[in-house]
Amino acid sequence: MSPEQDDNLDDLSDAIRRQRELGLMIGDELETHVQLLDETGEMVDRTDARLKRAKKKLDYVGRKVKENRSICIVIVLIFIFFILLALFR
């Protein structure tokens, strides 16, 4: 082998070694991102479950408010009826 070919092979070997190191670093970075995405997914799932529970509670409270509003309206109307009865006697 000529010295020029030997130098070219050494340069190629160095370039391949750098590419390998870069590939390993990228792989490590990807593993870190996968872990972060998994943790984020778990947090989103927990938050979604809490939001669903809160929505159920709000729906229940909304129904109760509607029921109580009807009762309050009836009581107010009865009160007004007695006031009008007292005024026009």
PDB file of N, CA and C in Angstrom:
ATOM      1  N   MET A   1       0.825  -1.169   0.000  1.00  0.00           N
ATOM      2  CA  MET A   1       0.000   0.000   0.000  1.00  0.00           C
ATOM      3  C   MET A   1       0.877   1.243   0.000  1.00  0.00           C
ATOM      4  N   SER A   2       0.422   2.230  -0.715  1.00  0.00           N
ATOM      5  CA  SER A   2       1.208   3.468  -0.782  1.00  0.00           C
ATOM      6  C   SER A   2       0.918   4.321   0.444  1.00  0.00           C
ATOM      7  N   PRO A   3       1.823   5.193   0.794  1.00  0.00           N
ATOM      8  CA  PRO A   3       1.616   6.060   1.958  1.00  0.00           C
ATOM      9  C   PRO A   3       0.367   6.954   1.798  1.00  0.00           C
ATOM     10  N   GLU A   4       0.080   7.343   0.564  1.00  0.00           N
ATOM     11  CA  GLU A   4      -1.115   8.185   0.330  1.00  0.00           C
ATOM     12  C   GLU A   4      -2.393   7.399   0.642  1.00  0.00           C
ATOM     13  N   GLN A   5      -2.450   6.141   0.204  1.00  0.00           N
ATOM     14  CA  GLN A   5      -3.615   5.305   0.497  1.00  0.00           C
ATOM     15  C   GLN A   5      -3.730   5.047   2.003  1.00  0.00           C
ATOM     16  N   ASP A   6      -2.577   4.860   2.649  1.00  0.00           N
ATOM     17  CA  ASP A   6      -2.559   4.628   4.089  1.00  0.00           C
ATOM     18  C   ASP A   6      -3.112   5.851   4.829  1.00  0.00           C
ATOM     19  N   ASP A   7      -2.707   7.047   4.400  1.00  0.00           N
ATOM     20  CA  ASP A   7      -3.216   8.287   5.013  1.00  0.00           C
ATOM     21  C   ASP A   7      -4.723   8.429   4.777  1.00  0.00           C
ATOM     22  N   ASN A   8      -5.162   8.101   3.561  1.00  0.00           N
ATOM     23  CA  ASN A   8      -6.591   8.183   3.253  1.00  0.00           C
ATOM     24  C   ASN A   8      -7.402   7.213   4.116  1.00  0.00           C
ATOM     25  N   LEU A   9      -6.862   6.006   4.324  1.00  0.00           N
ATOM     26  CA  LEU A   9      -7.549   5.028   5.176  1.00  0.00           C
ATOM     27  C   LEU A   9      -7.585   5.486   6.632  1.00  0.00           C
ATOM     28  N   ASP A  10      -6.506   6.108   7.090  1.00  0.00           N
ATOM     29  CA  ASP A  10      -6.499   6.651   8.457  1.00  0.00           C
ATOM     30  C   ASP A  10      -7.550   7.756   8.600  1.00  0.00           C
ATOM     31  N   ASP A  11      -7.627   8.633   7.608  1.00  0.00           N
ATOM     32  CA  ASP A  11      -8.643   9.700   7.631  1.00  0.00           C
ATOM     33  C   ASP A  11     -10.048   9.108   7.624  1.00  0.00           C
ATOM     34  N   LEU A  12     -10.247   8.105   6.792  1.00  0.00           N
ATOM     35  CA  LEU A  12     -11.559   7.446   6.722  1.00  0.00           C
ATOM     36  C   LEU A  12     -11.895   6.778   8.052  1.00  0.00           C
ATOM     37  N   SER A  13     -10.908   6.136   8.667  1.00  0.00           N
ATOM     38  CA  SER A  13     -11.109   5.484   9.958  1.00  0.00           C
ATOM     39  C   SER A  13     -11.489   6.517  11.025  1.00  0.00           C
ATOM     40  N   ASP A  14     -10.809   7.648  11.025  1.00  0.00           N
ATOM     41  CA  ASP A  14     -11.144   8.719  11.983  1.00  0.00           C
ATOM     42  C   ASP A  14     -12.559   9.236  11.761  1.00  0.00           C
ATOM     43  N   ALA A  15     -12.939   9.412  10.507  1.00  0.00           N
ATOM     44  CA  ALA A  15     -14.282   9.908  10.190  1.00  0.00           C
ATOM     45  C   ALA A  15     -15.333   8.898  10.645  1.00  0.00           C
ATOM     46  N   ILE A  16     -15.083   7.633  10.439  1.00  0.00           N
ATOM     47  CA  ILE A  16     -16.033   6.590  10.852  1.00  0.00           C
ATOM     48  C   ILE A  16     -16.143   6.565  12.372  1.00  0.00           C
ATOM     49  N   ARG A  17     -15.006   6.714  13.061  1.00  0.00           N
ATOM     50  CA  ARG A  17     -15.009   6.732  14.525  1.00  0.00           C
ATOM     51  C   ARG A  17     -15.838   7.920  15.039  1.00  0.00           C
ATOM     52  N   ARG A  18     -15.669   9.097  14.430  1.00  0.00           N
ATOM     53  CA  ARG A  18     -16.447  10.277  14.830  1.00  0.00           C
ATOM     54  C   ARG A  18     -17.936  10.066  14.568  1.00  0.00           C
ATOM     55  N   GLN A  19     -18.272   9.452  13.434  1.00  0.00           N
ATOM     56  CA  GLN A  19     -19.674   9.170  13.115  1.00  0.00           C
ATOM     57  C   GLN A  19     -20.272   8.206  14.132  1.00  0.00           C
ATOM     58  N   ARG A  20     -19.494   7.207  14.537  1.00  0.00           N
ATOM     59  CA  ARG A  20     -19.964   6.248  15.542  1.00  0.00           C
ATOM     60  C   ARG A  20     -20.240   6.956  16.858  1.00  0.00           C
ATOM     61  N   GLU A  21     -19.298   7.806  17.300  1.00  0.00           N
ATOM     62  CA  GLU A  21     -19.475   8.546  18.554  1.00  0.00           C
ATOM     63  C   GLU A  21     -20.700   9.461  18.473  1.00  0.00           C
ATOM     64  N   LEU A  22     -20.863  10.113  17.346  1.00  0.00           N
ATOM     65  CA  LEU A  22     -22.021  10.981  17.155  1.00  0.00           C
ATOM     66  C   LEU A  22     -23.307  10.167  17.188  1.00  0.00           C
ATOM     67  N   GLY A  23     -23.297   9.007  16.564  1.00  0.00           N
ATOM     68  CA  GLY A  23     -24.470   8.131  16.576  1.00  0.00           C
ATOM     69  C   GLY A  23     -24.814   7.673  17.986  1.00  0.00           C
ATOM     70  N   LEU A  24     -23.805   7.343  18.776  1.00  0.00           N
ATOM     71  CA  LEU A  24     -24.040   6.942  20.171  1.00  0.00           C
ATOM     72  C   LEU A  24     -24.609   8.092  20.994  1.00  0.00           C
ATOM     73  N   MET A  25     -24.083   9.302  20.765  1.00  0.00           N
ATOM     74  CA  MET A  25     -24.603  10.472  21.479  1.00  0.00           C
ATOM     75  C   MET A  25     -26.058  10.743  21.094  1.00  0.00           C
ATOM     76  N   ILE A  26     -26.367  10.614  19.827  1.00  0.00           N
ATOM     77  CA  ILE A  26     -27.745  10.814  19.367  1.00  0.00           C
ATOM     78  C   ILE A  26     -28.658   9.759  19.987  1.00  0.00           C
ATOM     79  N   GLY A  27     -28.182   8.518  20.058  1.00  0.00           N
ATOM     80  CA  GLY A  27     -28.961   7.442  20.678  1.00  0.00           C
ATOM     81  C   GLY A  27     -29.249   7.730  22.143  1.00  0.00           C
ATOM     82  N   ASP A  28     -28.241   8.223  22.881  1.00  0.00           N
ATOM     83  CA  ASP A  28     -28.446   8.582  24.288  1.00  0.00           C
ATOM     84  C   ASP A  28     -29.479   9.709  24.419  1.00  0.00           C
ATOM     85  N   GLU A  29     -29.369  10.690  23.546  1.00  0.00           N
ATOM     86  CA  GLU A  29     -30.305  11.815  23.573  1.00  0.00           C
ATOM     87  C   GLU A  29     -31.730  11.344  23.278  1.00  0.00           C
ATOM     88  N   LEU A  30     -31.865  10.432  22.327  1.00  0.00           N
ATOM     89  CA  LEU A  30     -33.183   9.893  22.004  1.00  0.00           C
ATOM     90  C   LEU A  30     -33.773   9.120  23.177  1.00  0.00           C
ATOM     91  N   GLU A  31     -32.945   8.357  23.887  1.00  0.00           N
ATOM     92  CA  GLU A  31     -33.432   7.630  25.065  1.00  0.00           C
ATOM     93  C   GLU A  31     -33.943   8.594  26.129  1.00  0.00           C
ATOM     94  N   THR A  32     -33.232   9.700  26.322  1.00  0.00           N
ATOM     95  CA  THR A  32     -33.667  10.715  27.283  1.00  0.00           C
ATOM     96  C   THR A  32     -35.010  11.297  26.872  1.00  0.00           C
ATOM     97  N   HIS A  33     -35.163  11.592  25.595  1.00  0.00           N
ATOM     98  CA  HIS A  33     -36.416  12.168  25.102  1.00  0.00           C
ATOM     99  C   HIS A  33     -37.572  11.160  25.216  1.00  0.00           C
ATOM    100  N   VAL A  34     -37.285   9.894  24.990  1.00  0.00           N
ATOM    101  CA  VAL A  34     -38.322   8.865  25.129  1.00  0.00           C
ATOM    102  C   VAL A  34     -38.801   8.816  26.577  1.00  0.00           C
ATOM    103  N   GLN A  35     -37.870   8.882  27.532  1.00  0.00           N
ATOM    104  CA  GLN A  35     -38.246   8.884  28.946  1.00  0.00           C
ATOM    105  C   GLN A  35     -39.099  10.111  29.269  1.00  0.00           C
ATOM    106  N   LEU A  36     -38.687  11.269  28.767  1.00  0.00           N
ATOM    107  CA  LEU A  36     -39.454  12.496  29.016  1.00  0.00           C
ATOM    108  C   LEU A  36     -40.855  12.398  28.415  1.00  0.00           C
ATOM    109  N   LEU A  37     -40.952  11.850  27.218  1.00  0.00           N
ATOM    110  CA  LEU A  37     -42.267  11.694  26.583  1.00  0.00           C
ATOM    111  C   LEU A  37     -43.144  10.717  27.358  1.00  0.00           C
ATOM    112  N   ASP A  38     -42.549   9.639  27.866  1.00  0.00           N
ATOM    113  CA  ASP A  38     -43.311   8.680  28.679  1.00  0.00           C
ATOM    114  C   ASP A  38     -43.839   9.344  29.943  1.00  0.00           C
ATOM    115  N   GLU A  39     -42.979  10.106  30.623  1.00  0.00           N
ATOM    116  CA  GLU A  39     -43.404  10.801  31.840  1.00  0.00           C
ATOM    117  C   GLU A  39     -44.508  11.813  31.529  1.00  0.00           C
ATOM    118  N   THR A  40     -44.351  12.529  30.422  1.00  0.00           N
ATOM    119  CA  THR A  40     -45.366  13.508  30.033  1.00  0.00           C
ATOM    120  C   THR A  40     -46.685  12.812  29.724  1.00  0.00           C
ATOM    121  N   GLY A  41     -46.628  11.683  29.052  1.00  0.00           N
ATOM    122  CA  GLY A  41     -47.837  10.924  28.747  1.00  0.00           C
ATOM    123  C   GLY A  41     -48.552  10.461  30.007  1.00  0.00           C
ATOM    124  N   GLU A  42     -47.782  10.013  30.990  1.00  0.00           N
ATOM    125  CA  GLU A  42     -48.380   9.582  32.258  1.00  0.00           C
ATOM    126  C   GLU A  42     -49.043  10.759  32.970  1.00  0.00           C
ATOM    127  N   MET A  43     -48.368  11.925  32.963  1.00  0.00           N
ATOM    128  CA  MET A  43     -48.957  13.107  33.600  1.00  0.00           C
ATOM    129  C   MET A  43     -50.235  13.532  32.882  1.00  0.00           C
ATOM    130  N   VAL A  44     -50.241  13.448  31.572  1.00  0.00           N
ATOM    131  CA  VAL A  44     -51.436  13.810  30.803  1.00  0.00           C
ATOM    132  C   VAL A  44     -52.580  12.853  31.139  1.00  0.00           C
ATOM    133  N   ASP A  45     -52.284  11.573  31.249  1.00  0.00           N
ATOM    134  CA  ASP A  45     -53.315  10.583  31.603  1.00  0.00           C
ATOM    135  C   ASP A  45     -53.898  10.872  32.988  1.00  0.00           C
ATOM    136  N   ARG A  46     -53.033  11.181  33.957  1.00  0.00           N
ATOM    137  CA  ARG A  46     -53.528  11.493  35.309  1.00  0.00           C
ATOM    138  C   ARG A  46     -54.376  12.759  35.295  1.00  0.00           C
ATOM    139  N   THR A  47     -53.912  13.762  34.572  1.00  0.00           N
ATOM    140  CA  THR A  47     -54.664  15.014  34.498  1.00  0.00           C
ATOM    141  C   THR A  47     -55.999  14.803  33.809  1.00  0.00           C
ATOM    142  N   ASP A  48     -56.012  13.986  32.777  1.00  0.00           N
ATOM    143  CA  ASP A  48     -57.264  13.688  32.073  1.00  0.00           C
ATOM    144  C   ASP A  48     -58.263  13.003  33.003  1.00  0.00           C
ATOM    145  N   ALA A  49     -57.775  12.066  33.801  1.00  0.00           N
ATOM    146  CA  ALA A  49     -58.656  11.358  34.750  1.00  0.00           C
ATOM    147  C   ALA A  49     -59.211  12.335  35.784  1.00  0.00           C
ATOM    148  N   ARG A  50     -58.365  13.241  36.280  1.00  0.00           N
ATOM    149  CA  ARG A  50     -58.840  14.225  37.259  1.00  0.00           C
ATOM    150  C   ARG A  50     -59.864  15.160  36.630  1.00  0.00           C
ATOM    151  N   LEU A  51     -59.633  15.563  35.387  1.00  0.00           N
ATOM    152  CA  LEU A  51     -60.590  16.441  34.711  1.00  0.00           C
ATOM    153  C   LEU A  51     -61.934  15.752  34.507  1.00  0.00           C
ATOM    154  N   LYS A  52     -61.905  14.467  34.182  1.00  0.00           N
ATOM    155  CA  LYS A  52     -63.160  13.724  34.012  1.00  0.00           C
ATOM    156  C   LYS A  52     -63.923  13.646  35.327  1.00  0.00           C
ATOM    157  N   ARG A  53     -63.196  13.392  36.440  1.00  0.00           N
ATOM    158  CA  ARG A  53     -63.864  13.356  37.747  1.00  0.00           C
ATOM    159  C   ARG A  53     -64.451  14.718  38.092  1.00  0.00           C
ATOM    160  N   ALA A  54     -63.696  15.780  37.821  1.00  0.00           N
ATOM    161  CA  ALA A  54     -64.179  17.129  38.117  1.00  0.00           C
ATOM    162  C   ALA A  54     -65.401  17.459  37.269  1.00  0.00           C
ATOM    163  N   LYS A  55     -65.407  17.030  36.014  1.00  0.00           N
ATOM    164  CA  LYS A  55     -66.562  17.289  35.143  1.00  0.00           C
ATOM    165  C   LYS A  55     -67.797  16.570  35.665  1.00  0.00           C
ATOM    166  N   LYS A  56     -67.634  15.334  36.118  1.00  0.00           N
ATOM    167  CA  LYS A  56     -68.772  14.598  36.686  1.00  0.00           C
ATOM    168  C   LYS A  56     -69.327  15.334  37.904  1.00  0.00           C
ATOM    169  N   LYS A  57     -68.429  15.828  38.764  1.00  0.00           N
ATOM    170  CA  LYS A  57     -68.871  16.559  39.948  1.00  0.00           C
ATOM    171  C   LYS A  57     -69.595  17.850  39.543  1.00  0.00           C
ATOM    172  N   LEU A  58     -69.065  18.558  38.547  1.00  0.00           N
ATOM    173  CA  LEU A  58     -69.714  19.786  38.088  1.00  0.00           C
ATOM    174  C   LEU A  58     -71.081  19.502  37.473  1.00  0.00           C
ATOM    175  N   ASP A  59     -71.191  18.417  36.739  1.00  0.00           N
ATOM    176  CA  ASP A  59     -72.490  18.045  36.169  1.00  0.00           C
ATOM    177  C   ASP A  59     -73.494  17.763  37.284  1.00  0.00           C
ATOM    178  N   TYR A  60     -73.038  17.070  38.328  1.00  0.00           N
ATOM    179  CA  TYR A  60     -73.911  16.762  39.465  1.00  0.00           C
ATOM    180  C   TYR A  60     -74.360  18.057  40.147  1.00  0.00           C
ATOM    181  N   VAL A  61     -73.412  18.951  40.398  1.00  0.00           N
ATOM    182  CA  VAL A  61     -73.740  20.228  41.037  1.00  0.00           C
ATOM    183  C   VAL A  61     -74.685  21.029  40.147  1.00  0.00           C
ATOM    184  N   GLY A  62     -74.461  21.012  38.842  1.00  0.00           N
ATOM    185  CA  GLY A  62     -75.341  21.724  37.915  1.00  0.00           C
ATOM    186  C   GLY A  62     -76.772  21.209  37.978  1.00  0.00           C
ATOM    187  N   ARG A  63     -76.919  19.905  38.051  1.00  0.00           N
ATOM    188  CA  ARG A  63     -78.267  19.324  38.162  1.00  0.00           C
ATOM    189  C   ARG A  63     -78.930  19.737  39.472  1.00  0.00           C
ATOM    190  N   LYS A  64     -78.170  19.714  40.548  1.00  0.00           N
ATOM    191  CA  LYS A  64     -78.718  20.089  41.853  1.00  0.00           C
ATOM    192  C   LYS A  64     -79.115  21.563  41.879  1.00  0.00           C
ATOM    193  N   VAL A  65     -78.322  22.409  41.238  1.00  0.00           N
ATOM    194  CA  VAL A  65     -78.638  23.838  41.190  1.00  0.00           C
ATOM    195  C   VAL A  65     -79.943  24.049  40.427  1.00  0.00           C
ATOM    196  N   LYS A  66     -80.114  23.341  39.326  1.00  0.00           N
ATOM    197  CA  LYS A  66     -81.359  23.466  38.561  1.00  0.00           C
ATOM    198  C   LYS A  66     -82.553  23.037  39.400  1.00  0.00           C
ATOM    199  N   GLU A  67     -82.401  21.927  40.133  1.00  0.00           N
ATOM    200  CA  GLU A  67     -83.487  21.457  40.994  1.00  0.00           C
ATOM    201  C   GLU A  67     -83.780  22.477  42.087  1.00  0.00           C
ATOM    202  N   ASN A  68     -82.751  23.014  42.722  1.00  0.00           N
ATOM    203  CA  ASN A  68     -82.931  23.986  43.803  1.00  0.00           C
ATOM    204  C   ASN A  68     -83.504  25.304  43.279  1.00  0.00           C
ATOM    205  N   ARG A  69     -83.150  25.670  42.076  1.00  0.00           N
ATOM    206  CA  ARG A  69     -83.666  26.902  41.490  1.00  0.00           C
ATOM    207  C   ARG A  69     -85.178  26.786  41.309  1.00  0.00           C
ATOM    208  N   SER A  70     -85.625  25.643  40.878  1.00  0.00           N
ATOM    209  CA  SER A  70     -87.067  25.436  40.704  1.00  0.00           C
ATOM    210  C   SER A  70     -87.788  25.551  42.043  1.00  0.00           C
ATOM    211  N   ILE A  71     -87.199  24.970  43.066  1.00  0.00           N
ATOM    212  CA  ILE A  71     -87.801  25.034  44.403  1.00  0.00           C
ATOM    213  C   ILE A  71     -87.820  26.483  44.891  1.00  0.00           C
ATOM    214  N   CYS A  72     -86.733  27.202  44.680  1.00  0.00           N
ATOM    215  CA  CYS A  72     -86.663  28.608  45.110  1.00  0.00           C
ATOM    216  C   CYS A  72     -87.708  29.445  44.383  1.00  0.00           C
ATOM    217  N   ILE A  73     -87.883  29.218  43.111  1.00  0.00           N
ATOM    218  CA  ILE A  73     -88.878  29.964  42.333  1.00  0.00           C
ATOM    219  C   ILE A  73     -90.274  29.690  42.876  1.00  0.00           C
ATOM    220  N   VAL A  74     -90.568  28.454  43.186  1.00  0.00           N
ATOM    221  CA  VAL A  74     -91.881  28.102  43.737  1.00  0.00           C
ATOM    222  C   VAL A  74     -92.091  28.800  45.078  1.00  0.00           C
ATOM    223  N   ILE A  75     -91.091  28.802  45.931  1.00  0.00           N
ATOM    224  CA  ILE A  75     -91.202  29.450  47.244  1.00  0.00           C
ATOM    225  C   ILE A  75     -91.417  30.949  47.074  1.00  0.00           C
ATOM    226  N   VAL A  76     -90.657  31.570  46.192  1.00  0.00           N
ATOM    227  CA  VAL A  76     -90.810  33.016  45.948  1.00  0.00           C
ATOM    228  C   VAL A  76     -92.205  33.315  45.406  1.00  0.00           C
ATOM    229  N   LEU A  77     -92.699  32.513  44.499  1.00  0.00           N
ATOM    230  CA  LEU A  77     -94.041  32.739  43.944  1.00  0.00           C
ATOM    231  C   LEU A  77     -95.117  32.570  45.023  1.00  0.00           C
ATOM    232  N   ILE A  78     -94.958  31.597  45.900  1.00  0.00           N
ATOM    233  CA  ILE A  78     -95.913  31.422  47.003  1.00  0.00           C
ATOM    234  C   ILE A  78     -95.874  32.645  47.922  1.00  0.00           C
ATOM    235  N   PHE A  79     -94.678  33.115  48.209  1.00  0.00           N
ATOM    236  CA  PHE A  79     -94.511  34.309  49.051  1.00  0.00           C
ATOM    237  C   PHE A  79     -95.190  35.514  48.404  1.00  0.00           C
ATOM    238  N   ILE A  80     -94.964  35.710  47.107  1.00  0.00           N
ATOM    239  CA  ILE A  80     -95.612  36.818  46.386  1.00  0.00           C
ATOM    240  C   ILE A  80     -97.135  36.648  46.408  1.00  0.00           C
ATOM    241  N   PHE A  81     -97.595  35.423  46.255  1.00  0.00           N
ATOM    242  CA  PHE A  81     -99.036  35.158  46.298  1.00  0.00           C
ATOM    243  C   PHE A  81     -99.630  35.600  47.633  1.00  0.00           C
ATOM    244  N   PHE A  82     -98.959  35.261  48.740  1.00  0.00           N
ATOM    245  CA  PHE A  82     -99.469  35.647  50.061  1.00  0.00           C
ATOM    246  C   PHE A  82     -99.414  37.162  50.260  1.00  0.00           C
ATOM    247  N   ILE A  83     -98.392  37.802  49.729  1.00  0.00           N
ATOM    248  CA  ILE A  83     -98.313  39.265  49.817  1.00  0.00           C
ATOM    249  C   ILE A  83     -99.472  39.896  49.045  1.00  0.00           C
ATOM    250  N   LEU A  84     -99.706  39.403  47.842  1.00  0.00           N
ATOM    251  CA  LEU A  84    -100.812  39.940  47.041  1.00  0.00           C
ATOM    252  C   LEU A  84    -102.146  39.662  47.716  1.00  0.00           C
ATOM    253  N   LEU A  85    -102.300  38.513  48.306  1.00  0.00           N
ATOM    254  CA  LEU A  85    -103.523  38.172  49.017  1.00  0.00           C
ATOM    255  C   LEU A  85    -103.740  39.133  50.176  1.00  0.00           C
ATOM    256  N   ALA A  86    -102.672  39.440  50.912  1.00  0.00           N
ATOM    257  CA  ALA A  86    -102.754  40.343  52.052  1.00  0.00           C
ATOM    258  C   ALA A  86    -103.078  41.772  51.589  1.00  0.00           C
ATOM    259  N   LEU A  87    -102.535  42.173  50.449  1.00  0.00           N
ATOM    260  CA  LEU A  87    -102.753  43.540  49.954  1.00  0.00           C
ATOM    261  C   LEU A  87    -104.176  43.744  49.431  1.00  0.00           C
ATOM    262  N   PHE A  88    -104.743  42.744  48.821  1.00  0.00           N
ATOM    263  CA  PHE A  88    -106.059  42.904  48.193  1.00  0.00           C
ATOM    264  C   PHE A  88    -107.200  42.378  49.046  1.00  0.00           C
ATOM    265  N   ARG A  89    -107.032  42.164  50.277  1.00  0.00           N
ATOM    266  CA  ARG A  89    -108.116  41.737  51.174  1.00  0.00           C
ATOM    267  C   ARG A  89    -108.944  42.846  51.632  1.00  0.00           C
TER     268      ARG A  89
END
